[in-house]
Each structure stands twice: as C-alpha cells, then as structure tokens.
Amino acid sequence: MFKKNIVGIIAEYNPIHNGHLYHINRSLETSGADAVVVVLSSNFVQRGEPAFLDKWSRAKMALHSGADLVIELPTAFSCHNAGVFGSAAVDLMAMTGIVTHLSFGMEDPDAPLGAIARILVEEPSPFRKILRERLDSGFSYAEARTAAMEQMLPGAGAILSSPNNILAQEYILRIVERGYPLETTPVKRTGTGYHSGPSGSFAGAGWIRDAVRTEGITDSVAKVMPPHALSSLREEISRGRCALSLDLFWRILRAVLLREGPSGISKYAEMREGIENLLWANAVKAQSFEEFTSLCTSRRYPGSRIRRSACHSLIGYEHRANREAQRLGPPYIRVLGWDAKGQEILRMMKTSSKLPVLFRPKGRPGTYQRMIADIEYRATALWESLVPNPEPLSESKKGPLRLV
C-alpha cells in the first residue's frame, strides 16, 4: 500500500519534452507523492489536430519519464474546448478513487483561481450581464468570459489570457463544482511557450513538431527532449508511425466537408451560429489545413474552435452524442500503460474506482459506454489513415504497455 500521496497530471505529451519532465519531477516534490497517474489525450488533441504520435507511443514516453499509470482521455473529450477537456480529465482523476493531488503547469501559480472559480460557479447577475453584452458584440465565449471576470475581479482578465492558466482554471472549477477531494499543486512553467523555439534545454511541443516536420530531428530538437523520448520519436518515425504531415488529413477533411455540405456539417458537435456555412465555403477554396483555419478564424471563431469543429465533422461526432458526453462524462477508465507502482495502483483501484477499469473501450450495443467507445474506434481508425504504416485494427488489438 502507498504511504504517501498519489499525484495526477493531465497531459498530451505531443511529444514529451524536457519541460514535461521538469513538471513531473516538481509535481512529485510539491505534492509529497510517491506515484504519478497521468490522464493522457487520445489520438486527437485539444487544439483540434491529430496527435503527432499515437497514444500508446506517448504513454510509453510518459512511463519512461516518471509516470506510473497512464489512462486515456477519450477523443470525445480530448478534442474539445478547455471546459470539456478539463472537466472530463478531472472526473477521471477523481473516479480512480486513489489520486490525492492534481498538479498542473501555470504561467502564474499564485493567481487567485479559487476566487475566480467561485464566481464562475455562482455566476452573479453582474457577471452574466457583462458576459451577454460581450457575446452580443461578437466576442468569442472565452473572450467574453475573460472580460466579465475582469470587471468582477480586476486582474483576473490577464490571468485568464494565458493558455495554461485557462486550463488550470477549468481544473479547479470542476473540483469546486463537484466537491472532489483533490488537492491542487500548481507548478510554475519553465522554459518557453507552446510554439516557442529553444531556450536552453527547453522548447514548446508545437515548435518540436514544426521543426521535425520541416527539418527532421536536428541537434536543436535533440537538446530539448529526454533521451528516451528522443529515441522513441526516432523509432516511431522510422516505423512510419508518426503524423509528419497534415496534407493527407486536410485532403480527407476537405472531401468530407464538401460531401456533407452546410446542412450535413450542421449536425456535428459545436456547429452553431452558422459556422457550418463558414467551414463549407472555405473548404471549397482553401489549399491547405493552415489556409482553411486562417480563412475561417475570426474574433467570434478562434482557430482552435475551427480546427476542433472540423475534427468533429471528420470523426462523425454529432450534437446528441456531444450533449450526452458533456452531461455524463467519461463512462470508463481505459488503461494505456503501467509500471510496477502502477500495477499496485491498479490493484487498489479494484475497490476504489468508481468507474469500470478497462484495457480496451467497449460496452453493450446501444449504451452510452458503447457510444464513447465507438467514437474512439472511429478516431483511432482515422489517425491510422494518416501515417505511412497504418495499423488499422490497433484499437481492438493493442493492449496496454507494461513496464514491470
């Protein structure tokens, strides 16, 4: 039995780099934990793109970096806005019945996120009034909420303008809403931003992906990744198991959008306010995914929302399923990998877990659990279509990774 705490980390590791390794180590120190549970995004990630490497490869990187148990955040939640992403990931942590702490990176770990969360939960009338005014003026929901929060709590607007602070706020909000017994341990981010180039031995995951796609694995890339992760990345590329190009993704997406037309696109998750017309019109003329995103992006429709909406269309994630997923949350805990400590955690979860613990997504036909599993099967099959050496049956044949 564990005598200390177990700390949870929500991550994409797309791919893992030295900043992630620093965060894992600091999380153990600040929480006093002796084990790490990671909730890892599936094959489509929060910014609305296919993951660079599949979930099993990223789980392996996590285990070699200090994680003891890696569980999946299903595509229905991982490729979604910060609120849905954060809520579902925190739900999974809490449902293990064994995670005691939640650690996350922040630009400003001293920010009053608890006070902000209370306002967001209570939604006092002045807050709702400002929110509605900003939305009616053409602001995106995130911008409108930030503006309303700034009026209620001066300084909060700046806090909620930083990407990691936004996710941290969603984690704390969910903990407050549900009364989860999770202690939060924020860690100040070190190194550079998501798309920033190298600064010493640190660089953002976005920069790493762009660099590898354009120049391959250079010395600059090698410098900012742990040796084991770098070795795994080289191996996956050599095996044809890396989504090095988004060109094929764009061609498939464009074909689907043109086939569906505005009326067909409108049935998918997060399609409202006429966004389906925008996606269809720009799919007609865009020559690349980057151009498509740029043409569709506006104050009301941020690029991340455009990309996620497009992914929902491609995966076939419809409104009804989306509403049900947001109402019910993750229906199971799907294990991607574990080490010796993780094996002990899994034994303890036999009695502590409040959700079924699975090695492969499944469920009886017609059930909510089956619906989430089916979305996962489709998303993984699609991801497999984007790499040079696909494994079409990976979702049904691959089991979790065991490092014991």
Protein backbone atom coordinates (compact mmCIF):
# COMPACT_ATOMS: atom_id res chain seq x y z
CA MET A 1 0.00 0.00 0.00
CA PHE A 2 1.14 3.54 -0.68
CA LYS A 3 2.07 5.53 2.41
CA LYS A 4 2.30 8.84 0.58
CA ASN A 5 0.13 10.70 -1.87
CA ILE A 6 -0.60 9.92 -5.50
CA VAL A 7 -0.40 12.92 -7.81
CA GLY A 8 -2.37 13.22 -11.03
CA ILE A 9 -1.21 15.05 -14.16
CA ILE A 10 -3.36 15.85 -17.19
CA ALA A 11 -1.28 15.92 -20.38
CA GLU A 12 -0.97 15.45 -24.11
CA TYR A 13 2.81 14.83 -24.33
CA ASN A 14 2.67 15.62 -28.02
CA PRO A 15 5.59 14.79 -27.84
CA ILE A 16 7.10 14.79 -24.36
CA HIS A 17 9.96 17.23 -23.79
CA ASN A 18 12.22 18.49 -21.01
CA GLY A 19 9.57 20.88 -19.73
CA HIS A 20 7.22 17.94 -19.17
CA LEU A 21 9.97 16.02 -17.39
CA TYR A 22 10.58 19.03 -15.14
CA HIS A 23 6.86 19.22 -14.36
CA ILE A 24 6.63 15.54 -13.41
CA ASN A 25 9.58 15.84 -11.04
CA ARG A 26 8.31 19.07 -9.48
CA SER A 27 4.85 17.55 -9.08
CA LEU A 28 6.30 14.71 -7.03
CA GLU A 29 8.26 17.16 -4.88
CA THR A 30 5.46 19.66 -4.21
CA SER A 31 2.80 17.03 -3.52
CA GLY A 32 4.98 14.71 -1.46
CA ALA A 33 3.71 11.87 -3.66
CA ASP A 34 5.47 8.63 -4.48
CA ALA A 35 3.44 7.78 -7.57
CA VAL A 36 2.14 9.59 -10.66
CA VAL A 37 -1.08 8.93 -12.57
CA VAL A 38 -1.34 10.61 -15.99
CA VAL A 39 -4.57 11.23 -17.89
CA LEU A 40 -3.38 11.35 -21.49
CA SER A 41 -5.19 12.78 -24.52
CA SER A 42 -6.18 10.28 -27.15
CA ASN A 43 -5.25 10.42 -30.85
CA PHE A 44 -6.94 13.79 -31.44
CA VAL A 45 -5.84 16.62 -29.20
CA GLN A 46 -7.30 19.71 -27.60
CA ARG A 47 -6.13 22.21 -30.22
CA GLY A 48 -8.06 20.29 -32.88
CA GLU A 49 -5.50 18.18 -34.73
CA PRO A 50 -4.41 14.56 -34.97
CA ALA A 51 -1.71 13.79 -32.40
CA PHE A 52 1.88 13.68 -33.67
CA LEU A 53 2.34 10.16 -32.24
CA ASP A 54 -0.31 7.64 -31.27
CA LYS A 55 -1.49 7.35 -27.69
CA TRP A 56 0.49 4.17 -26.95
CA SER A 57 3.77 5.76 -28.03
CA ARG A 58 3.09 8.82 -25.90
CA ALA A 59 2.07 6.60 -22.96
CA LYS A 60 5.42 4.82 -23.29
CA MET A 61 7.22 8.17 -23.19
CA ALA A 62 5.26 9.09 -20.08
CA LEU A 63 6.14 5.85 -18.28
CA HIS A 64 9.81 6.30 -19.06
CA SER A 65 9.59 9.88 -17.74
CA GLY A 66 8.24 9.03 -14.29
CA ALA A 67 4.56 8.23 -14.75
CA ASP A 68 3.40 5.02 -13.07
CA LEU A 69 -0.07 4.63 -14.56
CA VAL A 70 -1.37 6.19 -17.79
CA ILE A 71 -5.09 6.32 -18.54
CA GLU A 72 -6.83 7.64 -21.63
CA LEU A 73 -8.88 10.78 -22.04
CA PRO A 74 -11.21 9.59 -24.86
CA THR A 75 -11.43 11.57 -28.09
CA ALA A 76 -14.97 12.69 -27.22
CA PHE A 77 -13.33 14.86 -24.53
CA SER A 78 -9.70 15.26 -25.60
CA CYS A 79 -10.56 17.05 -28.86
CA HIS A 80 -12.76 19.69 -27.26
CA ASN A 81 -12.74 23.11 -25.66
CA ALA A 82 -10.89 23.75 -22.40
CA GLY A 83 -14.03 23.36 -20.30
CA VAL A 84 -14.99 19.93 -21.65
CA PHE A 85 -11.37 18.77 -21.79
CA GLY A 86 -10.62 19.88 -18.23
CA SER A 87 -13.86 18.65 -16.68
CA ALA A 88 -13.58 15.15 -18.13
CA ALA A 89 -9.91 14.80 -17.22
CA VAL A 90 -10.56 15.86 -13.62
CA ASP A 91 -13.53 13.49 -13.47
CA LEU A 92 -11.25 10.61 -14.44
CA MET A 93 -8.72 11.55 -11.76
CA ALA A 94 -11.41 11.71 -9.10
CA MET A 95 -13.09 8.50 -10.27
CA THR A 96 -9.91 6.48 -9.70
CA GLY A 97 -10.68 6.90 -6.01
CA ILE A 98 -6.97 6.93 -5.28
CA VAL A 99 -5.46 10.15 -6.69
CA THR A 100 -4.96 12.66 -3.88
CA HIS A 101 -3.36 15.62 -5.68
CA LEU A 102 -3.73 17.28 -9.07
CA SER A 103 -0.68 19.06 -10.48
CA PHE A 104 -0.66 21.38 -13.48
CA GLY A 105 1.63 23.94 -15.04
CA MET A 106 0.76 27.63 -14.83
CA GLU A 107 2.21 30.87 -16.01
CA ASP A 108 1.13 32.37 -12.67
CA PRO A 109 0.80 29.75 -9.89
CA ASP A 110 -0.10 32.44 -7.32
CA ALA A 111 -3.21 33.50 -9.22
CA PRO A 112 -6.47 33.54 -7.19
CA LEU A 113 -8.06 30.70 -9.15
CA GLY A 114 -10.24 29.67 -6.23
CA ALA A 115 -11.91 33.09 -6.12
CA ILE A 116 -12.35 33.04 -9.89
CA ALA A 117 -13.88 29.56 -9.72
CA ARG A 118 -16.42 30.67 -7.12
CA ILE A 119 -17.59 33.50 -9.40
CA LEU A 120 -17.85 31.12 -12.34
CA VAL A 121 -19.87 28.63 -10.28
CA GLU A 122 -22.22 31.22 -8.77
CA GLU A 123 -22.48 33.42 -11.89
CA PRO A 124 -23.73 36.58 -10.13
CA SER A 125 -26.03 38.78 -12.19
CA PRO A 126 -23.38 41.47 -12.98
CA PHE A 127 -21.14 38.74 -14.38
CA ARG A 128 -23.95 37.31 -16.53
CA LYS A 129 -24.86 40.79 -17.80
CA ILE A 130 -21.33 41.61 -18.97
CA LEU A 131 -20.93 38.14 -20.47
CA ARG A 132 -24.09 38.55 -22.54
CA GLU A 133 -23.10 42.05 -23.68
CA ARG A 134 -19.73 40.82 -24.93
CA LEU A 135 -21.22 37.82 -26.68
CA ASP A 136 -23.77 40.05 -28.41
CA SER A 137 -20.90 42.28 -29.54
CA GLY A 138 -19.23 39.42 -31.41
CA PHE A 139 -16.70 38.27 -28.82
CA SER A 140 -15.90 34.58 -28.55
CA TYR A 141 -17.14 32.89 -25.39
CA ALA A 142 -13.62 32.74 -23.94
CA GLU A 143 -13.06 36.46 -24.59
CA ALA A 144 -16.48 37.39 -23.21
CA ARG A 145 -15.92 35.38 -20.04
CA THR A 146 -12.49 36.90 -19.54
CA ALA A 147 -13.89 40.42 -19.93
CA ALA A 148 -16.70 39.72 -17.48
CA MET A 149 -14.29 38.24 -14.97
CA GLU A 150 -12.03 41.29 -15.23
CA GLN A 151 -14.95 43.51 -14.26
CA MET A 152 -15.76 41.32 -11.29
CA LEU A 153 -12.18 40.74 -10.14
CA PRO A 154 -9.61 43.22 -11.53
CA GLY A 155 -6.54 41.39 -12.75
CA ALA A 156 -8.42 38.18 -13.48
CA GLY A 157 -8.62 39.01 -17.18
CA ALA A 158 -4.85 38.90 -17.56
CA ILE A 159 -4.71 35.63 -15.65
CA LEU A 160 -7.28 34.02 -17.95
CA SER A 161 -5.46 35.19 -21.07
CA SER A 162 -2.64 32.66 -20.63
CA PRO A 163 -3.25 29.17 -22.10
CA ASN A 164 -2.08 27.10 -19.16
CA ASN A 165 -3.82 29.37 -16.67
CA ILE A 166 -7.06 28.81 -18.60
CA LEU A 167 -6.75 25.04 -18.33
CA ALA A 168 -5.76 25.30 -14.66
CA GLN A 169 -8.89 27.36 -14.05
CA GLU A 170 -11.05 24.70 -15.67
CA TYR A 171 -9.50 22.01 -13.47
CA ILE A 172 -10.14 23.99 -10.29
CA LEU A 173 -13.65 24.91 -11.43
CA ARG A 174 -14.53 21.24 -11.85
CA ILE A 175 -13.09 20.37 -8.45
CA VAL A 176 -15.18 23.13 -6.84
CA GLU A 177 -18.34 22.21 -8.77
CA ARG A 178 -18.17 18.54 -7.84
CA GLY A 179 -16.57 18.87 -4.41
CA TYR A 180 -13.79 16.45 -5.33
CA PRO A 181 -11.25 15.75 -2.55
CA LEU A 182 -8.29 16.67 -4.78
CA GLU A 183 -5.58 18.99 -3.51
CA THR A 184 -4.16 21.20 -6.25
CA THR A 185 -0.41 21.73 -6.61
CA PRO A 186 0.33 24.25 -9.38
CA VAL A 187 3.85 24.33 -10.81
CA LYS A 188 5.25 27.43 -12.46
CA ARG A 189 6.01 26.77 -16.10
CA THR A 190 9.64 26.88 -17.06
CA GLY A 191 11.28 27.34 -20.42
CA THR A 192 9.29 28.66 -23.38
CA GLY A 193 5.77 28.84 -24.72
CA TYR A 194 3.94 26.16 -26.69
CA HIS A 195 5.24 27.24 -30.11
CA SER A 196 8.40 28.98 -28.90
CA GLY A 197 11.84 27.90 -30.06
CA PRO A 198 14.61 26.58 -27.83
CA SER A 199 15.67 28.42 -24.71
CA GLY A 200 18.48 26.45 -23.16
CA SER A 201 17.24 22.87 -22.89
CA PHE A 202 13.56 23.80 -23.19
CA ALA A 203 11.21 24.31 -26.15
CA GLY A 204 7.47 24.03 -26.74
CA ALA A 205 5.83 20.91 -28.16
CA GLY A 206 4.46 22.90 -31.10
CA TRP A 207 7.94 24.06 -32.02
CA ILE A 208 9.25 20.47 -31.82
CA ARG A 209 6.55 19.19 -34.17
CA ASP A 210 7.12 22.01 -36.66
CA ALA A 211 10.89 21.50 -36.55
CA VAL A 212 10.66 17.75 -37.09
CA ARG A 213 8.17 18.20 -39.93
CA THR A 214 10.37 20.67 -41.78
CA GLU A 215 13.96 19.65 -40.92
CA GLY A 216 13.80 16.26 -39.20
CA ILE A 217 15.36 15.52 -35.84
CA THR A 218 18.11 18.12 -35.58
CA ASP A 219 20.54 18.78 -32.74
CA SER A 220 18.21 21.56 -31.58
CA VAL A 221 15.35 19.08 -31.24
CA ALA A 222 17.53 16.51 -29.50
CA LYS A 223 18.63 19.10 -26.95
CA VAL A 224 15.10 19.76 -25.67
CA MET A 225 13.84 16.17 -25.34
CA PRO A 226 14.71 13.47 -22.78
CA PRO A 227 16.95 10.79 -24.35
CA HIS A 228 14.34 8.03 -24.04
CA ALA A 229 11.65 10.22 -25.65
CA LEU A 230 14.00 11.21 -28.46
CA SER A 231 14.79 7.54 -29.07
CA SER A 232 11.08 6.70 -29.17
CA LEU A 233 10.42 9.53 -31.60
CA ARG A 234 13.18 8.32 -33.92
CA GLU A 235 11.79 4.79 -33.76
CA GLU A 236 8.22 5.83 -34.50
CA ILE A 237 9.31 7.93 -37.47
CA SER A 238 11.41 5.06 -38.86
CA ARG A 239 8.45 2.72 -38.45
CA GLY A 240 6.15 5.09 -40.34
CA ARG A 241 4.11 5.70 -37.20
CA CYS A 242 4.28 9.50 -36.97
CA ALA A 243 1.79 12.00 -38.42
CA LEU A 244 4.56 14.05 -40.01
CA SER A 245 2.30 15.81 -42.50
CA LEU A 246 -1.19 17.28 -42.24
CA ASP A 247 -1.65 17.21 -46.04
CA LEU A 248 -3.46 13.86 -46.08
CA PHE A 249 -5.55 14.93 -43.09
CA TRP A 250 -6.57 18.05 -44.99
CA ARG A 251 -7.49 16.16 -48.16
CA ILE A 252 -9.70 13.74 -46.23
CA LEU A 253 -11.27 16.57 -44.22
CA ARG A 254 -11.93 18.68 -47.31
CA ALA A 255 -13.59 15.76 -49.08
CA VAL A 256 -15.87 15.15 -46.09
CA LEU A 257 -16.84 18.81 -45.74
CA LEU A 258 -17.59 19.17 -49.46
CA ARG A 259 -19.63 15.96 -49.48
CA GLU A 260 -21.67 16.91 -46.41
CA GLY A 261 -22.44 20.49 -47.41
CA PRO A 262 -23.66 23.04 -44.83
CA SER A 263 -26.77 21.04 -43.88
CA GLY A 264 -24.75 17.88 -43.27
CA ILE A 265 -21.98 19.69 -41.39
CA SER A 266 -24.55 21.33 -39.12
CA LYS A 267 -25.37 18.03 -37.37
CA TYR A 268 -21.92 17.71 -35.79
CA ALA A 269 -20.78 18.82 -32.35
CA GLU A 270 -20.29 22.53 -31.68
CA MET A 271 -21.81 23.57 -35.02
CA ARG A 272 -23.96 26.61 -34.29
CA GLU A 273 -24.30 30.27 -35.23
CA GLY A 274 -23.87 29.38 -38.89
CA ILE A 275 -20.33 28.07 -38.52
CA GLU A 276 -21.21 25.21 -40.87
CA ASN A 277 -21.55 27.70 -43.75
CA LEU A 278 -18.16 29.16 -42.94
CA LEU A 279 -16.46 25.75 -42.92
CA TRP A 280 -18.04 24.65 -46.17
CA ALA A 281 -17.34 27.90 -48.04
CA ASN A 282 -13.67 27.93 -47.07
CA ALA A 283 -13.22 24.19 -47.70
CA VAL A 284 -14.11 24.97 -51.33
CA LYS A 285 -11.21 27.39 -51.81
CA ALA A 286 -8.53 26.55 -49.23
CA GLN A 287 -5.41 24.72 -50.42
CA SER A 288 -4.18 23.52 -47.03
CA PHE A 289 -5.38 22.95 -43.48
CA GLU A 290 -3.42 26.01 -42.36
CA GLU A 291 -5.08 28.19 -45.01
CA PHE A 292 -8.50 26.75 -44.17
CA THR A 293 -8.03 27.56 -40.49
CA SER A 294 -6.82 31.06 -41.29
CA LEU A 295 -9.74 31.80 -43.62
CA CYS A 296 -12.28 30.64 -41.02
CA THR A 297 -10.72 32.33 -37.98
CA SER A 298 -12.23 35.49 -36.54
CA ARG A 299 -12.86 37.07 -33.16
CA ARG A 300 -16.03 35.01 -32.79
CA TYR A 301 -14.46 31.81 -34.13
CA PRO A 302 -10.90 31.26 -32.79
CA GLY A 303 -8.65 28.96 -34.79
CA SER A 304 -8.76 26.24 -32.12
CA ARG A 305 -12.55 26.11 -32.33
CA ILE A 306 -12.42 25.91 -36.12
CA ARG A 307 -9.98 23.00 -36.00
CA ARG A 308 -11.97 21.12 -33.36
CA SER A 309 -15.23 21.61 -35.26
CA ALA A 310 -13.58 20.27 -38.38
CA CYS A 311 -12.31 17.22 -36.47
CA HIS A 312 -15.79 16.57 -35.08
CA SER A 313 -17.13 16.52 -38.63
CA LEU A 314 -14.44 14.12 -39.73
CA ILE A 315 -14.90 11.75 -36.78
CA GLY A 316 -18.68 11.89 -37.05
CA TYR A 317 -19.20 13.31 -33.55
CA GLU A 318 -22.81 14.51 -33.57
CA HIS A 319 -24.69 17.01 -31.40
CA ARG A 320 -26.64 14.40 -29.48
CA ALA A 321 -23.56 12.42 -28.58
CA ASN A 322 -21.72 15.59 -27.60
CA ARG A 323 -24.50 16.77 -25.31
CA GLU A 324 -24.72 13.36 -23.68
CA ALA A 325 -20.95 13.20 -23.19
CA GLN A 326 -20.87 16.60 -21.51
CA ARG A 327 -23.76 15.63 -19.25
CA LEU A 328 -22.44 12.19 -18.23
CA GLY A 329 -18.66 12.49 -18.51
CA PRO A 330 -16.27 9.58 -19.12
CA PRO A 331 -18.04 6.21 -18.70
CA TYR A 332 -14.91 4.14 -18.00
CA ILE A 333 -11.23 4.32 -17.09
CA ARG A 334 -9.23 2.96 -20.03
CA VAL A 335 -5.64 1.95 -19.13
CA LEU A 336 -2.87 2.67 -21.64
CA GLY A 337 0.10 1.51 -19.60
CA TRP A 338 1.68 0.95 -16.20
CA ASP A 339 4.91 0.13 -14.36
CA ALA A 340 5.45 -1.77 -11.09
CA LYS A 341 3.93 1.02 -8.97
CA GLY A 342 1.13 1.40 -11.49
CA GLN A 343 0.34 -2.29 -11.16
CA GLU A 344 -0.11 -1.81 -7.43
CA ILE A 345 -2.31 1.23 -8.08
CA LEU A 346 -4.47 -0.87 -10.42
CA ARG A 347 -4.90 -3.50 -7.71
CA MET A 348 -6.04 -0.82 -5.30
CA MET A 349 -8.43 0.59 -7.92
CA LYS A 350 -10.31 -2.70 -7.99
CA THR A 351 -12.03 -1.49 -4.84
CA SER A 352 -11.52 2.29 -5.05
CA SER A 353 -12.54 3.07 -8.66
CA LYS A 354 -15.99 4.49 -9.24
CA LEU A 355 -15.90 3.57 -12.94
CA PRO A 356 -15.16 0.32 -14.79
CA VAL A 357 -11.42 -0.12 -15.43
CA LEU A 358 -10.84 -1.39 -18.99
CA PHE A 359 -7.93 -2.29 -21.24
CA ARG A 360 -9.96 -1.71 -24.41
CA PRO A 361 -13.03 0.51 -24.90
CA LYS A 362 -16.23 -1.49 -25.02
CA GLY A 363 -19.85 -1.57 -23.95
CA ARG A 364 -23.14 -3.21 -24.82
CA PRO A 365 -24.70 -2.03 -28.11
CA GLY A 366 -26.94 0.97 -27.62
CA THR A 367 -25.38 2.05 -24.33
CA TYR A 368 -23.63 5.34 -23.56
CA GLN A 369 -20.41 3.46 -22.85
CA ARG A 370 -20.60 1.87 -26.31
CA MET A 371 -21.19 5.27 -27.91
CA ILE A 372 -18.00 6.74 -26.41
CA ALA A 373 -16.10 3.57 -27.40
CA ASP A 374 -17.39 3.79 -30.98
CA ILE A 375 -16.18 7.40 -31.27
CA GLU A 376 -12.80 6.20 -30.05
CA TYR A 377 -12.68 3.39 -32.60
CA ARG A 378 -13.50 5.82 -35.42
CA ALA A 379 -10.97 8.40 -34.26
CA THR A 380 -8.19 5.82 -33.98
CA ALA A 381 -9.00 4.32 -37.39
CA LEU A 382 -8.84 7.81 -38.86
CA TRP A 383 -5.49 8.55 -37.17
CA GLU A 384 -4.14 5.29 -38.58
CA SER A 385 -5.08 6.51 -42.07
CA LEU A 386 -2.75 9.50 -41.66
CA VAL A 387 0.55 7.68 -41.15
CA PRO A 388 2.75 5.86 -43.71
CA ASN A 389 2.49 2.49 -41.97
CA PRO A 390 -1.05 2.20 -40.57
CA GLU A 391 -2.23 -0.49 -38.18
CA PRO A 392 -5.96 -0.49 -38.99
CA LEU A 393 -7.03 -2.74 -36.11
CA SER A 394 -4.87 -1.12 -33.43
CA GLU A 395 -7.81 -0.05 -31.27
CA SER A 396 -9.16 -3.58 -30.98
CA LYS A 397 -5.84 -5.46 -30.91
CA LYS A 398 -3.43 -3.32 -28.91
CA GLY A 399 -3.38 -3.76 -25.17
CA PRO A 400 -1.76 -1.54 -22.54
CA LEU A 401 2.00 -1.24 -22.18
CA ARG A 402 3.52 -2.99 -19.16
CA LEU A 403 6.87 -1.81 -17.80
CA VAL A 404 7.28 -4.18 -14.85
